[in-house]
Protein backbone atom coordinates (compact mmCIF):
# COMPACT_ATOMS: atom_id res chain seq x y z
CA UNK A 1 -26.68 -27.62 -36.65
CA UNK A 2 -25.63 -31.26 -36.91
CA UNK A 3 -23.56 -31.71 -40.07
CA UNK A 4 -24.45 -35.39 -40.38
CA UNK A 5 -27.84 -34.33 -41.75
CA UNK A 6 -26.36 -32.57 -44.76
CA UNK A 7 -25.51 -34.39 -47.99
CA UNK A 8 -22.27 -36.39 -48.27
CA UNK A 9 -19.38 -33.96 -48.53
CA UNK A 10 -21.67 -30.92 -48.43
CA UNK A 11 -20.36 -27.73 -46.86
CA UNK A 12 -23.30 -25.39 -46.17
CA UNK A 13 -20.81 -22.50 -46.48
CA UNK A 14 -20.30 -23.42 -50.13
CA UNK A 15 -23.90 -24.28 -51.02
CA UNK A 16 -27.19 -23.15 -49.47
CA UNK A 17 -25.79 -20.42 -47.20
CA UNK A 18 -24.39 -18.55 -50.20
CA UNK A 19 -27.94 -17.93 -51.35
CA UNK A 20 -30.16 -18.14 -48.28
CA UNK A 21 -30.30 -16.51 -44.86
CA UNK A 22 -30.13 -18.60 -41.73
CA UNK A 23 -30.27 -18.16 -38.01
CA UNK A 24 -26.94 -18.33 -36.18
CA UNK A 25 -25.29 -17.37 -32.92
CA UNK A 26 -24.88 -13.92 -34.48
CA UNK A 27 -28.59 -13.48 -35.19
CA UNK A 28 -29.59 -14.92 -31.80
CA UNK A 29 -27.38 -12.51 -29.89
CA UNK A 30 -28.11 -9.60 -32.20
CA UNK A 31 -31.77 -9.97 -31.20
CA UNK A 32 -30.65 -9.26 -27.63
CA UNK A 33 -28.75 -6.13 -28.62
CA UNK A 34 -25.26 -7.54 -29.00
CA UNK A 35 -22.84 -6.30 -31.63
CA UNK A 36 -21.77 -9.27 -33.78
CA UNK A 37 -18.39 -9.61 -35.44
CA UNK A 38 -16.54 -12.26 -37.44
CA UNK A 39 -12.76 -12.31 -37.97
CA UNK A 40 -10.35 -14.47 -39.96
CA UNK A 41 -6.71 -13.90 -40.92
CA UNK A 42 -7.30 -15.39 -44.36
CA UNK A 43 -9.08 -14.19 -47.50
CA UNK A 44 -12.63 -12.92 -47.16
CA UNK A 45 -13.87 -15.07 -50.04
CA UNK A 46 -12.41 -18.33 -48.70
CA UNK A 47 -15.30 -20.73 -48.07
CA UNK A 48 -17.56 -17.91 -49.30
CA UNK A 49 -17.36 -16.38 -45.84
CA UNK A 50 -18.11 -12.81 -46.94
CA UNK A 51 -21.41 -13.98 -48.41
CA UNK A 52 -22.24 -16.51 -45.73
CA UNK A 53 -21.53 -14.31 -42.70
CA UNK A 54 -23.73 -11.66 -44.31
CA UNK A 55 -26.56 -14.18 -44.56
CA UNK A 56 -26.03 -15.29 -40.95
CA UNK A 57 -26.68 -11.86 -39.45
CA UNK A 58 -23.19 -10.59 -38.59
CA UNK A 59 -22.67 -6.84 -38.36
CA UNK A 60 -18.98 -6.87 -39.36
CA UNK A 61 -16.47 -9.24 -40.91
CA UNK A 62 -12.76 -8.43 -40.71
CA UNK A 63 -10.78 -10.62 -43.08
CA UNK A 64 -7.08 -10.43 -43.97
CA UNK A 65 -7.85 -7.74 -46.55
CA UNK A 66 -8.34 -5.39 -43.58
CA UNK A 67 -5.24 -6.43 -41.64
CA UNK A 68 -1.63 -5.29 -41.92
CA UNK A 69 -0.13 -8.71 -41.38
CA UNK A 70 3.61 -8.52 -40.70
CA UNK A 71 4.26 -11.93 -39.15
CA UNK A 72 3.97 -15.04 -41.34
CA UNK A 73 4.84 -18.66 -40.78
CA UNK A 74 7.69 -20.15 -42.78
CA UNK A 75 4.98 -21.77 -44.88
CA UNK A 76 3.34 -18.43 -45.72
CA UNK A 77 0.28 -18.44 -43.42
CA UNK A 78 -0.52 -15.40 -41.31
CA UNK A 79 0.36 -15.84 -37.66
CA UNK A 80 -2.51 -15.62 -35.22
CA UNK A 81 -1.23 -12.82 -32.99
CA UNK A 82 -2.54 -10.26 -35.54
CA UNK A 83 -6.07 -11.26 -34.51
CA UNK A 84 -5.91 -9.81 -31.01
CA UNK A 85 -5.82 -6.16 -32.04
CA UNK A 86 -8.66 -6.70 -34.48
CA UNK A 87 -10.80 -8.51 -31.90
CA UNK A 88 -10.29 -5.54 -29.58
CA UNK A 89 -11.15 -3.07 -32.39
CA UNK A 90 -14.30 -5.02 -33.26
CA UNK A 91 -15.53 -4.82 -29.67
CA UNK A 92 -14.61 -1.13 -29.50
CA UNK A 93 -16.94 -0.31 -32.42
CA UNK A 94 -20.00 -0.78 -30.22
CA UNK A 95 -21.00 0.47 -26.79
CA UNK A 96 -23.04 -2.62 -26.02
CA UNK A 97 -21.98 -6.22 -25.40
CA UNK A 98 -20.37 -8.13 -28.26
CA UNK A 99 -20.26 -11.58 -29.81
CA UNK A 100 -17.04 -12.32 -31.71
CA UNK A 101 -16.48 -15.39 -33.88
CA UNK A 102 -12.80 -15.72 -34.76
CA UNK A 103 -11.24 -18.30 -37.12
CA UNK A 104 -7.48 -18.65 -36.64
CA UNK A 105 -5.03 -20.01 -39.17
CA UNK A 106 -1.46 -20.45 -38.01
CA UNK A 107 -1.32 -24.22 -37.53
CA UNK A 108 -2.53 -25.11 -41.03
CA UNK A 109 -0.45 -27.18 -43.46
CA UNK A 110 1.08 -28.31 -45.71
CA UNK A 111 3.90 -29.15 -43.38
CA UNK A 112 7.33 -28.89 -45.05
CA UNK A 113 9.53 -31.96 -45.21
CA UNK A 114 12.71 -29.89 -45.06
CA UNK A 115 13.85 -28.04 -41.93
CA UNK A 116 12.59 -24.46 -42.29
CA UNK A 117 12.70 -23.12 -38.71
CA UNK A 118 16.29 -22.23 -37.85
CA UNK A 119 15.85 -21.89 -34.10
CA UNK A 120 12.68 -23.73 -33.10
CA UNK A 121 11.19 -23.15 -29.66
CA UNK A 122 10.39 -26.87 -29.54
CA UNK A 123 12.50 -29.64 -31.09
CA UNK A 124 11.24 -33.08 -32.08
CA UNK A 125 13.29 -36.22 -31.49
CA UNK A 126 12.73 -39.94 -31.84
CA UNK A 127 11.48 -40.00 -35.44
CA UNK A 128 13.87 -41.77 -37.80
CA UNK A 129 12.27 -40.42 -40.99
CA UNK A 130 13.88 -36.98 -41.34
CA UNK A 131 11.11 -35.61 -43.56
CA UNK A 132 8.39 -36.69 -41.11
CA UNK A 133 10.41 -35.30 -38.21
CA UNK A 134 10.64 -31.92 -39.95
CA UNK A 135 6.90 -31.89 -40.63
CA UNK A 136 6.10 -32.55 -36.97
CA UNK A 137 8.64 -30.01 -35.75
CA UNK A 138 7.11 -27.33 -37.96
CA UNK A 139 3.60 -28.19 -36.73
CA UNK A 140 4.33 -28.25 -32.99
CA UNK A 141 6.11 -24.89 -33.23
CA UNK A 142 3.04 -23.38 -34.87
CA UNK A 143 0.93 -24.84 -32.05
CA UNK A 144 3.35 -23.20 -29.62
CA UNK A 145 2.64 -19.86 -31.32
CA UNK A 146 -1.09 -20.50 -31.23
CA UNK A 147 -0.92 -21.30 -27.52
CA UNK A 148 0.84 -17.98 -26.92
CA UNK A 149 -1.87 -16.22 -28.96
CA UNK A 150 -4.57 -17.85 -26.80
CA UNK A 151 -2.86 -16.70 -23.60
CA UNK A 152 -2.33 -13.17 -24.90
CA UNK A 153 -5.97 -13.01 -26.01
CA UNK A 154 -7.21 -14.02 -22.56
CA UNK A 155 -5.02 -11.34 -21.00
CA UNK A 156 -6.22 -8.68 -23.45
CA UNK A 157 -9.89 -9.54 -22.88
CA UNK A 158 -9.45 -9.69 -19.12
CA UNK A 159 -7.83 -6.25 -19.08
CA UNK A 160 -10.98 -4.76 -20.60
CA UNK A 161 -12.74 -5.32 -17.30
CA UNK A 162 -15.92 -6.59 -18.97
CA UNK A 163 -17.75 -9.81 -18.08
CA UNK A 164 -16.48 -12.19 -20.75
CA UNK A 165 -16.50 -15.81 -21.88
CA UNK A 166 -14.13 -17.29 -24.47
CA UNK A 167 -14.63 -20.74 -26.02
CA UNK A 168 -11.54 -22.20 -27.70
CA UNK A 169 -11.86 -25.27 -29.94
CA UNK A 170 -10.27 -26.90 -32.98
CA UNK A 171 -12.22 -28.14 -35.96
CA UNK A 172 -9.77 -30.63 -37.50
CA UNK A 173 -6.51 -32.48 -36.90
CA UNK A 174 -3.31 -31.61 -38.78
CA UNK A 175 -2.86 -33.29 -42.17
CA UNK A 176 -0.11 -35.57 -40.89
CA UNK A 177 -1.63 -38.95 -41.61
CA UNK A 178 -2.76 -39.59 -38.05
CA UNK A 179 -4.69 -42.77 -37.23
CA UNK A 180 -6.98 -43.45 -34.31
CA UNK A 181 -4.35 -45.62 -32.61
CA UNK A 182 -1.95 -42.67 -32.66
CA UNK A 183 -4.20 -40.61 -30.41
CA UNK A 184 -4.55 -40.86 -26.65
CA UNK A 185 -8.32 -40.42 -26.96
CA UNK A 186 -8.56 -42.98 -29.81
CA UNK A 187 -11.01 -40.83 -31.79
CA UNK A 188 -10.09 -38.96 -34.99
CA UNK A 189 -13.15 -36.72 -34.95
CA UNK A 190 -13.14 -35.53 -31.36
CA UNK A 191 -11.70 -32.14 -30.47
CA UNK A 192 -10.74 -30.67 -27.15
CA UNK A 193 -12.34 -27.41 -26.07
CA UNK A 194 -11.59 -24.92 -23.33
CA UNK A 195 -13.96 -22.37 -21.81
CA UNK A 196 -12.37 -19.39 -20.07
CA UNK A 197 -14.40 -16.80 -18.20
CA UNK A 198 -14.00 -14.03 -15.64
CA UNK A 199 -17.50 -14.33 -14.17
CA UNK A 200 -17.07 -17.39 -11.97
CA UNK A 201 -18.67 -20.15 -14.05
CA UNK A 202 -18.29 -23.57 -12.45
CA UNK A 203 -15.69 -25.75 -14.18
CA UNK A 204 -17.09 -28.87 -15.84
CA UNK A 205 -15.22 -31.59 -17.74
CA UNK A 206 -17.41 -33.61 -20.08
CA UNK A 207 -17.98 -34.69 -23.66
CA UNK A 208 -20.48 -32.75 -25.74
CA UNK A 209 -21.39 -32.82 -29.45
CA UNK A 210 -19.90 -29.87 -31.32
CA UNK A 211 -23.35 -28.77 -32.50
CA UNK A 212 -24.47 -28.35 -28.88
CA UNK A 213 -21.55 -26.31 -27.53
CA UNK A 214 -23.04 -22.86 -28.16
CA UNK A 215 -26.44 -23.86 -26.80
CA UNK A 216 -24.68 -25.21 -23.71
CA UNK A 217 -22.70 -22.00 -23.17
CA UNK A 218 -25.85 -19.93 -23.74
CA UNK A 219 -27.73 -21.95 -21.15
CA UNK A 220 -25.02 -21.48 -18.56
CA UNK A 221 -25.28 -17.73 -19.18
CA UNK A 222 -29.10 -17.82 -18.97
CA UNK A 223 -29.37 -16.82 -22.65
CA UNK A 224 -32.36 -18.31 -24.43
CA UNK A 225 -32.43 -16.83 -27.92
CA UNK A 226 -32.53 -18.44 -31.34
CA UNK A 227 -34.75 -21.24 -32.60
CA UNK A 228 -32.06 -23.92 -32.85
CA UNK A 229 -30.40 -22.96 -29.58
CA UNK A 230 -33.72 -23.08 -27.72
CA UNK A 231 -34.41 -26.46 -29.33
CA UNK A 232 -31.14 -27.91 -28.04
CA UNK A 233 -31.70 -26.49 -24.57
CA UNK A 234 -35.22 -27.88 -24.24
CA UNK A 235 -35.09 -31.12 -26.18
CA UNK A 236 -31.60 -32.63 -26.05
CA UNK A 237 -32.54 -35.16 -23.36
CA UNK A 238 -35.95 -36.06 -24.78
CA UNK A 239 -37.23 -38.79 -27.07
CA UNK A 240 -36.96 -38.05 -30.79
CA UNK A 241 -34.47 -35.24 -30.24
CA UNK A 242 -32.14 -36.10 -33.15
CA UNK A 243 -34.91 -37.05 -35.56
CA UNK A 244 -36.72 -33.78 -34.94
CA UNK A 245 -33.43 -31.84 -35.14
CA UNK A 246 -32.99 -33.15 -38.68
CA UNK A 247 -36.50 -31.95 -39.59
CA UNK A 248 -35.89 -28.56 -37.99
CA UNK A 249 -32.62 -28.04 -39.87
CA UNK A 250 -34.24 -29.01 -43.17
CA UNK A 251 -37.20 -26.72 -42.59
CA UNK A 252 -34.98 -23.70 -41.85
CA UNK A 253 -32.46 -24.15 -44.68
CA UNK A 254 -34.29 -26.04 -47.43
CA UNK A 255 -37.95 -26.23 -46.54
CA UNK A 256 -40.86 -23.82 -46.24
CA UNK A 257 -39.86 -22.59 -42.76
CA UNK A 258 -43.00 -23.80 -41.03
CA UNK A 259 -41.18 -23.29 -37.73
CA UNK A 260 -41.71 -19.54 -38.05
CA UNK A 261 -45.47 -19.90 -38.38
CA UNK A 262 -45.71 -17.70 -41.46
CA UNK A 263 -43.62 -14.94 -39.90
CA UNK A 264 -40.30 -13.70 -41.26
CA UNK A 265 -37.12 -15.45 -40.16
CA UNK A 266 -35.68 -13.61 -37.13
CA UNK A 267 -32.54 -12.52 -38.97
CA UNK A 268 -31.83 -8.96 -40.02
CA UNK A 269 -31.83 -8.13 -43.72
CA UNK A 270 -28.23 -8.71 -44.93
CA UNK A 271 -26.40 -5.63 -43.69
CA UNK A 272 -22.86 -6.74 -42.93
CA UNK A 273 -19.97 -4.31 -43.24
CA UNK A 274 -16.53 -5.56 -44.18
CA UNK A 275 -13.96 -4.33 -41.66
CA UNK A 276 -14.58 -1.81 -38.89
CA UNK A 277 -12.43 1.14 -40.00
CA UNK A 278 -12.88 3.54 -42.90
CA UNK A 279 -10.04 3.97 -45.37
CA UNK A 280 -9.39 7.69 -45.79
CA UNK A 281 -7.10 9.67 -48.08
CA UNK A 282 -5.52 12.87 -46.76
CA UNK A 283 -2.96 13.96 -49.36
CA UNK A 284 -1.32 13.26 -52.71
CA UNK A 285 2.26 14.37 -53.37
CA UNK A 286 3.45 14.27 -56.97
CA UNK A 287 7.12 13.75 -57.82
CA UNK A 288 9.33 14.81 -60.73
CA UNK A 289 9.81 11.20 -61.83
CA UNK A 290 6.11 10.95 -62.74
CA UNK A 291 5.02 9.12 -59.60
CA UNK A 292 2.65 10.05 -56.80
CA UNK A 293 2.67 9.30 -53.08
CA UNK A 294 -0.82 8.81 -51.65
CA UNK A 295 -1.23 9.40 -47.91
CA UNK A 296 -4.11 8.41 -45.69
CA UNK A 297 -5.23 6.05 -42.94
CA UNK A 298 -5.99 2.33 -42.63
CA UNK A 299 -4.34 1.23 -45.87
CA UNK A 300 -3.44 -2.46 -46.16
CA UNK A 301 -1.73 -4.65 -48.72
CA UNK A 302 -5.15 -5.16 -50.33
CA UNK A 303 -5.82 -1.45 -50.82
CA UNK A 304 -6.16 -0.75 -54.55
CA UNK A 305 -6.12 2.79 -55.92
CA UNK A 306 -8.51 3.86 -58.68
CA UNK A 307 -8.35 7.10 -60.65
CA UNK A 308 -11.45 7.91 -62.72
CA UNK A 309 -12.55 4.30 -62.30
CA UNK A 310 -9.30 2.79 -63.60
CA UNK A 311 -7.08 0.76 -61.31
CA UNK A 312 -3.57 2.15 -60.94
CA UNK A 313 -0.30 0.32 -60.52
CA UNK A 314 0.55 0.72 -56.83
CA UNK A 315 2.97 -0.31 -54.11
CA UNK A 316 1.79 -0.59 -50.52
CA UNK A 317 4.38 0.82 -48.10
CA UNK A 318 2.49 0.99 -44.81
CA UNK A 319 -0.93 1.78 -43.36
CA UNK A 320 -0.55 5.48 -44.20
CA UNK A 321 1.25 5.49 -47.57
CA UNK A 322 0.82 3.95 -51.02
CA UNK A 323 3.13 4.69 -53.97
CA UNK A 324 1.73 5.15 -57.50
CA UNK A 325 4.85 4.77 -59.69
CA UNK A 326 3.14 5.56 -63.01
CA UNK A 327 0.42 8.02 -61.98
CA UNK A 328 0.26 11.81 -62.05
CA UNK A 329 -3.05 13.44 -61.14
CA UNK A 330 -4.79 15.99 -63.33
CA UNK A 331 -7.30 18.65 -62.31
CA UNK A 332 -10.71 17.06 -61.72
CA UNK A 333 -9.45 13.46 -61.40
CA UNK A 334 -11.51 11.27 -59.08
CA UNK A 335 -9.48 9.14 -56.67
CA UNK A 336 -10.73 6.29 -54.50
CA UNK A 337 -9.18 3.42 -52.56
CA UNK A 338 -10.86 0.03 -52.59
CA UNK A 339 -10.26 -2.89 -50.23
CA UNK A 340 -10.25 -5.72 -52.73
CA UNK A 341 -10.48 -9.46 -52.24
CA UNK A 342 -9.80 -12.35 -54.58
CA UNK A 343 -11.46 -12.31 -58.02
CA UNK A 344 -11.47 -8.49 -57.80
CA UNK A 345 -14.25 -8.54 -55.21
CA UNK A 346 -14.99 -5.06 -53.87
CA UNK A 347 -15.23 -5.44 -50.10
CA UNK A 348 -15.17 -1.80 -49.09
CA UNK A 349 -14.43 1.52 -50.81
CA UNK A 350 -13.30 4.87 -49.50
CA UNK A 351 -15.14 8.07 -50.29
CA UNK A 352 -14.24 9.59 -53.64
CA UNK A 353 -11.74 12.45 -53.68
CA UNK A 354 -11.59 15.14 -56.36
CA UNK A 355 -8.15 16.50 -57.23
CA UNK A 356 -8.51 20.29 -57.25
CA UNK A 357 -5.75 22.95 -57.12
CA UNK A 358 -3.19 20.38 -56.04
CA UNK A 359 -5.36 19.01 -53.22
CA UNK A 360 -7.75 16.13 -52.72
CA UNK A 361 -11.27 17.21 -51.77
CA UNK A 362 -13.49 14.52 -50.23
CA UNK A 363 -16.95 13.85 -51.61
CA UNK A 364 -18.55 12.47 -48.45
CA UNK A 365 -21.05 9.67 -48.74
CA UNK A 366 -19.66 8.34 -52.02
CA UNK A 367 -17.95 5.28 -50.54
CA UNK A 368 -19.44 1.85 -50.02
CA UNK A 369 -18.96 -0.39 -47.02
CA UNK A 370 -21.62 -3.06 -47.41
CA UNK A 371 -20.70 -6.45 -48.82
CA UNK A 372 -22.14 -6.80 -52.29
CA UNK A 373 -24.47 -9.67 -52.92
CA UNK A 374 -23.29 -12.59 -55.01
CA UNK A 375 -25.51 -11.54 -57.90
CA UNK A 376 -24.32 -7.92 -57.79
CA UNK A 377 -20.68 -8.97 -57.73
CA UNK A 378 -21.11 -11.32 -60.69
CA UNK A 379 -22.75 -8.50 -62.63
CA UNK A 380 -19.82 -6.20 -61.88
CA UNK A 381 -17.34 -8.85 -63.01
CA UNK A 382 -19.31 -9.41 -66.22
CA UNK A 383 -19.29 -5.71 -67.01
């Protein structure tokens, strides 16, 4: 959709899409049998993504709460290379074709004014202001890392041996005070994009509005699914195209959805699962100092341990071990591990385990893996 038709400063992610379903690339491809996955190496609640992706028809969303991120920038952001393994895992969850929407992070600011990279891959010269020089040097080295991520991703996808298309694009410039005259292209709101494929698509170099890029890729792949995508493909060179696009967007998101002719919107009932792997608990070893070691699989730094519904003090060691320094289990205690986001949002919970005769016995089917609705989460927080 064309963002110019929304209100000044409005982000649909933070307004209407938190409450209302909408068609998307995910819903359009899901209708053709694709698995649909979203990934981001930042918090699942940032820009309300956990709610919004659920309303847009995605099957899975893997946020940083489901990643064991070991590499960080000097400024504290997760590096992008962690995304490759999770993109591969997302595609491995389904036997059919997949659509993956991935938001990377590494190049984001603020950009430090002091020198923080001891041995930079790229050095910056010719800037007299030392603080500005350091900011640029930090930024270009993060771009270097992002370029390496892009190359490694292409290699990983190509090695799968599946017909694939990857669209790379940026959605904003760095916060470095750039002006139009600083840029070779002379436009602050243009972004370069690159399309890679292993199916022999003809290379084309041209300008295209950002809101048309997916429709354009779909058309080149002979995919004609989704109301808005079909509209772009059929109408973008006709009279009244932009005026009617504004009406179409309003009807779908804010109006009475006349476009569907009284039928339901072609988007699945919200069904999204956070992450693609279950957290499991295999053992609990108690120690003489009054602590317990909890063993299992797929733990992350956002795994929180609950005993009889009460959160325990815990220390994450690795993806198979969490330490409970102040917890000893008693016969009949109920143990569960919850993947928790900001504001204590429950993204996904393991099955419950009953502590019996020194062992943990799983109660299958007691976990939850579906993103809670906004209303449900607020009710939980209130309670």
